[in-house]
Amino acid sequence: MGAIGELRPAPSALPGAGPSLEKSTTERVLQIRHWTPTLLSFRTTRHRGFRFRPGHYTRLGLGDPEAAVWRPYSLASAAYDEFLEFIAVRVPGGAFSEKLATLRVGDTLQVDKASYGFLTVDQLAPGKDLWLLASGTGLGPFLSILHDPAVWRDYRRLILVHSVRRAAELAWREDIAALPRPELRADATATLRYLPVVTREPGATTLAERIPLLLADGRLEAAAGATLDLADSRLMVCGNPELAKELRRILGERGYATNRRGMPGQMAFEKYW
């Protein structure tokens, strides 16, 4: 979820004004991880009453609580974790980014008490293969979804495709490779295929083109060892607007549709900035 024109975390933007103090909680930063000089993820405490579905986002406020700068961010943590986790890109000159640059472990921030969004598995019709296609920090909500025991139980195959410019931007790469975690294994029937894509460092990954091109010419299906099939394949897309636009067109031409009037579809989208 991201702020328009400034931060590029993971999907959908809301106006910068945040909720009232009565509708937010004050949380403390527990951990910060810098993947690159501008890409970071951070964990905060979690209010005991905060609830969300994997794929949801909430709003974060930095600065004086009475005049905080607010931005929407997808939740990368599991719905059952005792902490909240987010991923973001700092953009020079951005109002939120400037405050994010000085964030330290132990600092506080405001978290909206509510969660939002439609990038959730319940927006999809039942299927066998779940494709998660992300660019940049669009990975965030998919990490949360991959920590949901239900997707390991309800699907046959989980296919995560994460496209970035530089290899260092492949956040949580080792964590993803280690899935499923022990708490997910009891009823798990699905297998995970993780396909990292680095577009600007030749040789860094086997796949090196943008996701729409890889999908259009069949290379993505070949690498995944799975064929897109309208009856069984479900797709979730989270990334920049151009990615969303191109994939809507490509998938729409193949008969895929989003949720309409409460009727589950075969694909779901979020976009950031």
Protein backbone atom coordinates (compact mmCIF):
# COMPACT_ATOMS: atom_id res chain seq x y z
CA MET A 1 0.00 0.00 0.00
CA GLY A 2 1.59 3.18 -0.75
CA ALA A 3 1.38 6.87 -0.74
CA ILE A 4 0.87 8.39 -4.16
CA GLY A 5 4.05 9.84 -5.56
CA GLU A 6 6.12 9.21 -2.45
CA LEU A 7 6.37 5.85 -0.77
CA ARG A 8 6.18 2.63 -2.63
CA PRO A 9 5.27 0.04 -0.04
CA ALA A 10 2.46 -2.23 -1.06
CA PRO A 11 -0.84 -1.33 -2.71
CA SER A 12 -3.86 1.07 -2.80
CA ALA A 13 -3.54 4.64 -1.60
CA LEU A 14 -5.88 6.54 0.67
CA PRO A 15 -5.82 10.28 1.42
CA GLY A 16 -2.95 11.37 3.64
CA ALA A 17 -5.21 12.37 6.51
CA GLY A 18 -5.29 9.66 9.13
CA PRO A 19 -7.84 8.49 11.66
CA SER A 20 -8.53 10.35 14.90
CA LEU A 21 -6.45 9.42 17.93
CA GLU A 22 -9.46 7.52 19.28
CA LYS A 23 -9.35 5.31 16.18
CA SER A 24 -5.61 4.57 16.31
CA THR A 25 -3.18 3.02 18.78
CA THR A 26 0.36 3.94 19.70
CA GLU A 27 2.79 1.14 18.89
CA ARG A 28 6.52 0.71 19.38
CA VAL A 29 9.11 -0.28 16.76
CA LEU A 30 10.59 -3.67 17.62
CA GLN A 31 12.89 -4.31 14.67
CA ILE A 32 14.11 -2.60 11.51
CA ARG A 33 15.79 -4.42 8.63
CA HIS A 34 17.52 -2.48 5.86
CA TRP A 35 17.58 -4.54 2.66
CA THR A 36 19.13 -1.68 0.64
CA PRO A 37 19.87 1.98 1.47
CA THR A 38 16.25 2.84 0.58
CA LEU A 39 14.32 -0.42 1.10
CA LEU A 40 13.45 -1.44 4.63
CA SER A 41 11.03 -3.58 6.58
CA PHE A 42 10.04 -2.97 10.18
CA ARG A 43 8.11 -4.66 12.95
CA THR A 44 5.96 -3.00 15.58
CA THR A 45 4.03 -4.08 18.61
CA ARG A 46 0.43 -5.12 17.96
CA HIS A 47 -2.57 -3.97 19.93
CA ARG A 48 -4.46 -6.98 21.25
CA GLY A 49 -7.65 -5.81 19.55
CA PHE A 50 -6.18 -5.32 16.05
CA ARG A 51 -7.59 -7.76 13.48
CA PHE A 52 -6.90 -8.20 9.78
CA ARG A 53 -7.13 -10.73 6.97
CA PRO A 54 -3.99 -11.72 5.08
CA GLY A 55 -3.74 -9.28 2.18
CA HIS A 56 -5.21 -6.33 4.09
CA TYR A 57 -3.58 -2.98 4.71
CA THR A 58 -3.82 -0.41 7.47
CA ARG A 59 -2.65 3.19 7.93
CA LEU A 60 0.48 4.28 9.78
CA GLY A 61 1.17 7.70 11.25
CA LEU A 62 4.62 9.14 11.99
CA GLY A 63 5.40 12.31 13.92
CA ASP A 64 3.47 14.18 16.59
CA PRO A 65 0.27 12.15 17.11
CA GLU A 66 -1.81 15.32 16.82
CA ALA A 67 -0.26 16.19 13.43
CA ALA A 68 1.14 12.90 12.19
CA VAL A 69 1.83 12.15 8.53
CA TRP A 70 -0.26 9.13 7.54
CA ARG A 71 0.19 6.58 4.77
CA PRO A 72 -1.42 3.20 3.97
CA TYR A 73 0.72 0.07 4.23
CA SER A 74 0.02 -3.58 3.57
CA LEU A 75 0.57 -6.00 6.42
CA ALA A 76 3.36 -8.49 5.75
CA SER A 77 2.99 -10.31 9.07
CA ALA A 78 0.80 -13.34 9.67
CA ALA A 79 -2.69 -12.74 11.02
CA TYR A 80 -1.68 -14.72 14.12
CA ASP A 81 1.67 -13.00 14.79
CA GLU A 82 1.98 -10.97 17.97
CA PHE A 83 3.69 -8.18 15.99
CA LEU A 84 2.88 -6.21 12.82
CA GLU A 85 5.34 -6.05 9.93
CA PHE A 86 5.58 -3.67 6.96
CA ILE A 87 7.88 -3.02 4.01
CA ALA A 88 8.60 0.35 2.41
CA VAL A 89 10.82 2.28 0.03
CA ARG A 90 12.10 5.67 1.15
CA VAL A 91 11.81 8.35 -1.52
CA PRO A 92 13.91 11.55 -1.16
CA GLY A 93 11.80 14.55 -0.24
CA GLY A 94 8.71 12.59 0.74
CA ALA A 95 7.00 13.82 3.89
CA PHE A 96 6.54 10.32 5.30
CA SER A 97 9.90 9.15 3.96
CA GLU A 98 11.76 11.88 5.82
CA LYS A 99 10.28 10.68 9.10
CA LEU A 100 10.81 7.04 8.17
CA ALA A 101 14.52 7.75 7.58
CA THR A 102 14.98 8.65 11.25
CA LEU A 103 12.90 5.77 12.63
CA ARG A 104 14.73 3.70 15.24
CA VAL A 105 13.98 0.65 17.36
CA GLY A 106 12.04 1.83 20.41
CA ASP A 107 10.39 4.75 18.61
CA THR A 108 6.61 4.98 18.50
CA LEU A 109 4.13 5.40 15.67
CA GLN A 110 0.36 5.41 15.27
CA VAL A 111 -1.52 2.47 13.77
CA ASP A 112 -5.11 2.70 12.56
CA LYS A 113 -7.35 0.33 14.52
CA ALA A 114 -9.00 -0.84 11.28
CA SER A 115 -7.72 -2.82 8.31
CA TYR A 116 -8.87 -2.54 4.71
CA GLY A 117 -8.65 -3.98 1.21
CA PHE A 118 -9.81 -6.61 -1.26
CA LEU A 119 -6.56 -8.45 -2.00
CA THR A 120 -7.77 -11.43 0.00
CA VAL A 121 -8.23 -15.06 -0.97
CA ASP A 122 -11.96 -14.89 -0.26
CA GLN A 123 -12.32 -12.63 -3.32
CA LEU A 124 -11.45 -15.64 -5.50
CA ALA A 125 -13.53 -18.56 -6.67
CA PRO A 126 -12.28 -21.96 -5.45
CA GLY A 127 -9.28 -23.23 -7.43
CA LYS A 128 -6.28 -25.53 -7.27
CA ASP A 129 -3.32 -23.26 -8.11
CA LEU A 130 -2.78 -19.86 -6.51
CA TRP A 131 -0.43 -17.52 -8.40
CA LEU A 132 0.94 -14.53 -6.45
CA LEU A 133 2.52 -11.99 -8.81
CA ALA A 134 4.37 -9.07 -7.18
CA SER A 135 6.71 -6.28 -8.14
CA GLY A 136 8.86 -4.48 -5.58
CA THR A 137 7.19 -4.00 -2.21
CA GLY A 138 4.02 -5.54 -3.60
CA LEU A 139 5.50 -8.67 -2.00
CA GLY A 140 4.27 -7.54 1.44
CA PRO A 141 0.66 -8.80 1.42
CA PHE A 142 1.71 -12.04 -0.26
CA LEU A 143 4.07 -12.82 2.59
CA SER A 144 1.09 -12.51 4.93
CA ILE A 145 -1.00 -14.76 2.68
CA LEU A 146 1.75 -17.38 2.57
CA HIS A 147 1.68 -17.48 6.37
CA ASP A 148 -2.02 -18.36 6.33
CA PRO A 149 -2.55 -22.08 7.06
CA ALA A 150 -5.74 -22.05 4.98
CA VAL A 151 -3.95 -21.47 1.66
CA TRP A 152 -1.66 -24.44 2.31
CA ARG A 153 -4.73 -26.55 2.98
CA ASP A 154 -7.04 -25.27 0.23
CA TYR A 155 -4.67 -25.17 -2.75
CA ARG A 156 -2.58 -27.74 -4.58
CA ARG A 157 0.17 -25.36 -5.67
CA LEU A 158 1.26 -21.90 -4.49
CA ILE A 159 3.36 -19.98 -7.01
CA LEU A 160 5.05 -16.76 -5.86
CA VAL A 161 6.68 -14.55 -8.49
CA HIS A 162 8.59 -11.52 -7.18
CA SER A 163 10.07 -9.07 -9.68
CA VAL A 164 12.67 -6.44 -8.67
CA ARG A 165 15.39 -4.46 -10.38
CA ARG A 166 18.32 -5.56 -8.17
CA ALA A 167 18.93 -8.82 -6.36
CA ALA A 168 19.34 -7.04 -3.01
CA GLU A 169 15.68 -6.02 -3.28
CA LEU A 170 14.50 -9.64 -2.98
CA ALA A 171 13.31 -9.11 0.58
CA TRP A 172 12.67 -12.16 2.80
CA ARG A 173 14.17 -14.44 0.15
CA GLU A 174 15.53 -16.96 2.66
CA ASP A 175 12.35 -16.85 4.75
CA ILE A 176 10.23 -17.63 1.69
CA ALA A 177 12.50 -20.49 0.67
CA ALA A 178 12.04 -21.99 4.15
CA LEU A 179 8.24 -22.12 3.91
CA PRO A 180 6.08 -23.76 5.04
CA ARG A 181 6.96 -23.02 8.65
CA PRO A 182 6.28 -25.77 11.21
CA GLU A 183 2.94 -24.26 12.28
CA LEU A 184 1.72 -24.49 8.67
CA ARG A 185 2.69 -28.08 8.01
CA ALA A 186 0.10 -30.09 9.96
CA ASP A 187 -2.68 -29.87 7.35
CA ALA A 188 -0.61 -28.60 4.42
CA THR A 189 -1.23 -30.23 1.06
CA ALA A 190 0.13 -27.45 -1.19
CA THR A 191 3.64 -27.08 -2.54
CA LEU A 192 5.35 -23.71 -3.00
CA ARG A 193 7.21 -22.62 -6.13
CA TYR A 194 9.17 -19.39 -5.56
CA LEU A 195 10.31 -17.57 -8.71
CA PRO A 196 12.47 -14.48 -8.06
CA VAL A 197 12.94 -12.19 -11.07
CA VAL A 198 15.76 -9.62 -11.27
CA THR A 199 15.50 -7.38 -14.33
CA ARG A 200 18.61 -5.16 -14.18
CA GLU A 201 21.42 -7.48 -13.07
CA PRO A 202 22.12 -9.98 -15.84
CA GLY A 203 22.57 -13.50 -14.53
CA ALA A 204 21.21 -12.81 -11.05
CA THR A 205 18.14 -15.00 -11.64
CA THR A 206 17.06 -17.42 -14.34
CA LEU A 207 14.08 -15.20 -15.19
CA ALA A 208 15.07 -11.64 -16.01
CA GLU A 209 12.18 -10.03 -17.92
CA ARG A 210 9.15 -8.17 -16.64
CA ILE A 211 6.29 -10.37 -15.44
CA PRO A 212 3.83 -9.45 -18.24
CA LEU A 213 6.35 -10.47 -20.91
CA LEU A 214 7.20 -13.72 -19.10
CA LEU A 215 3.51 -14.51 -18.83
CA ALA A 216 2.67 -13.56 -22.40
CA ASP A 217 5.31 -15.79 -24.01
CA GLY A 218 4.83 -18.79 -21.74
CA ARG A 219 8.17 -18.66 -19.91
CA LEU A 220 6.54 -18.03 -16.54
CA GLU A 221 4.39 -21.14 -16.80
CA ALA A 222 7.37 -23.19 -17.94
CA ALA A 223 9.48 -22.03 -14.98
CA ALA A 224 6.63 -22.71 -12.56
CA GLY A 225 5.95 -26.14 -13.98
CA ALA A 226 2.26 -25.24 -14.10
CA THR A 227 -0.17 -24.15 -16.80
CA LEU A 228 -2.61 -21.29 -16.37
CA ASP A 229 -6.08 -22.76 -16.60
CA LEU A 230 -9.27 -20.75 -16.13
CA ALA A 231 -10.98 -23.57 -14.25
CA ASP A 232 -8.22 -24.17 -11.70
CA SER A 233 -5.78 -21.20 -11.66
CA ARG A 234 -6.35 -18.17 -9.45
CA LEU A 235 -4.15 -15.09 -9.61
CA MET A 236 -3.41 -12.24 -7.24
CA VAL A 237 -1.40 -9.24 -8.46
CA CYS A 238 0.21 -6.54 -6.34
CA GLY A 239 2.58 -3.97 -7.79
CA ASN A 240 2.99 -0.77 -9.74
CA PRO A 241 0.11 0.53 -11.89
CA GLU A 242 1.76 -0.47 -15.17
CA LEU A 243 2.11 -4.06 -14.02
CA ALA A 244 -1.53 -4.15 -12.93
CA LYS A 245 -2.71 -2.62 -16.20
CA GLU A 246 -0.76 -5.03 -18.41
CA LEU A 247 -1.75 -8.11 -16.45
CA ARG A 248 -5.42 -7.12 -16.41
CA ARG A 249 -5.29 -6.96 -20.19
CA ILE A 250 -3.37 -10.21 -20.69
CA LEU A 251 -5.47 -12.18 -18.21
CA GLY A 252 -8.71 -10.56 -19.32
CA GLU A 253 -8.05 -11.75 -22.85
CA ARG A 254 -7.79 -15.27 -21.43
CA GLY A 255 -11.17 -15.00 -19.75
CA TYR A 256 -10.10 -14.15 -16.20
CA ALA A 257 -12.27 -11.69 -14.25
CA THR A 258 -12.22 -9.97 -10.85
CA ASN A 259 -14.89 -10.22 -8.17
CA ARG A 260 -18.13 -8.67 -9.46
CA ARG A 261 -21.23 -7.88 -7.38
CA GLY A 262 -20.15 -10.36 -4.77
CA MET A 263 -19.46 -13.12 -7.30
CA PRO A 264 -15.91 -14.44 -6.73
CA GLY A 265 -13.53 -14.05 -9.68
CA GLN A 266 -10.40 -15.74 -10.91
CA MET A 267 -8.06 -12.81 -10.22
CA ALA A 268 -7.60 -9.99 -7.68
CA PHE A 269 -5.51 -6.82 -7.87
CA GLU A 270 -3.88 -4.18 -5.68
CA LYS A 271 -1.56 -1.43 -6.83
CA TYR A 272 0.70 0.97 -5.03
CA TRP A 273 1.39 4.65 -5.61
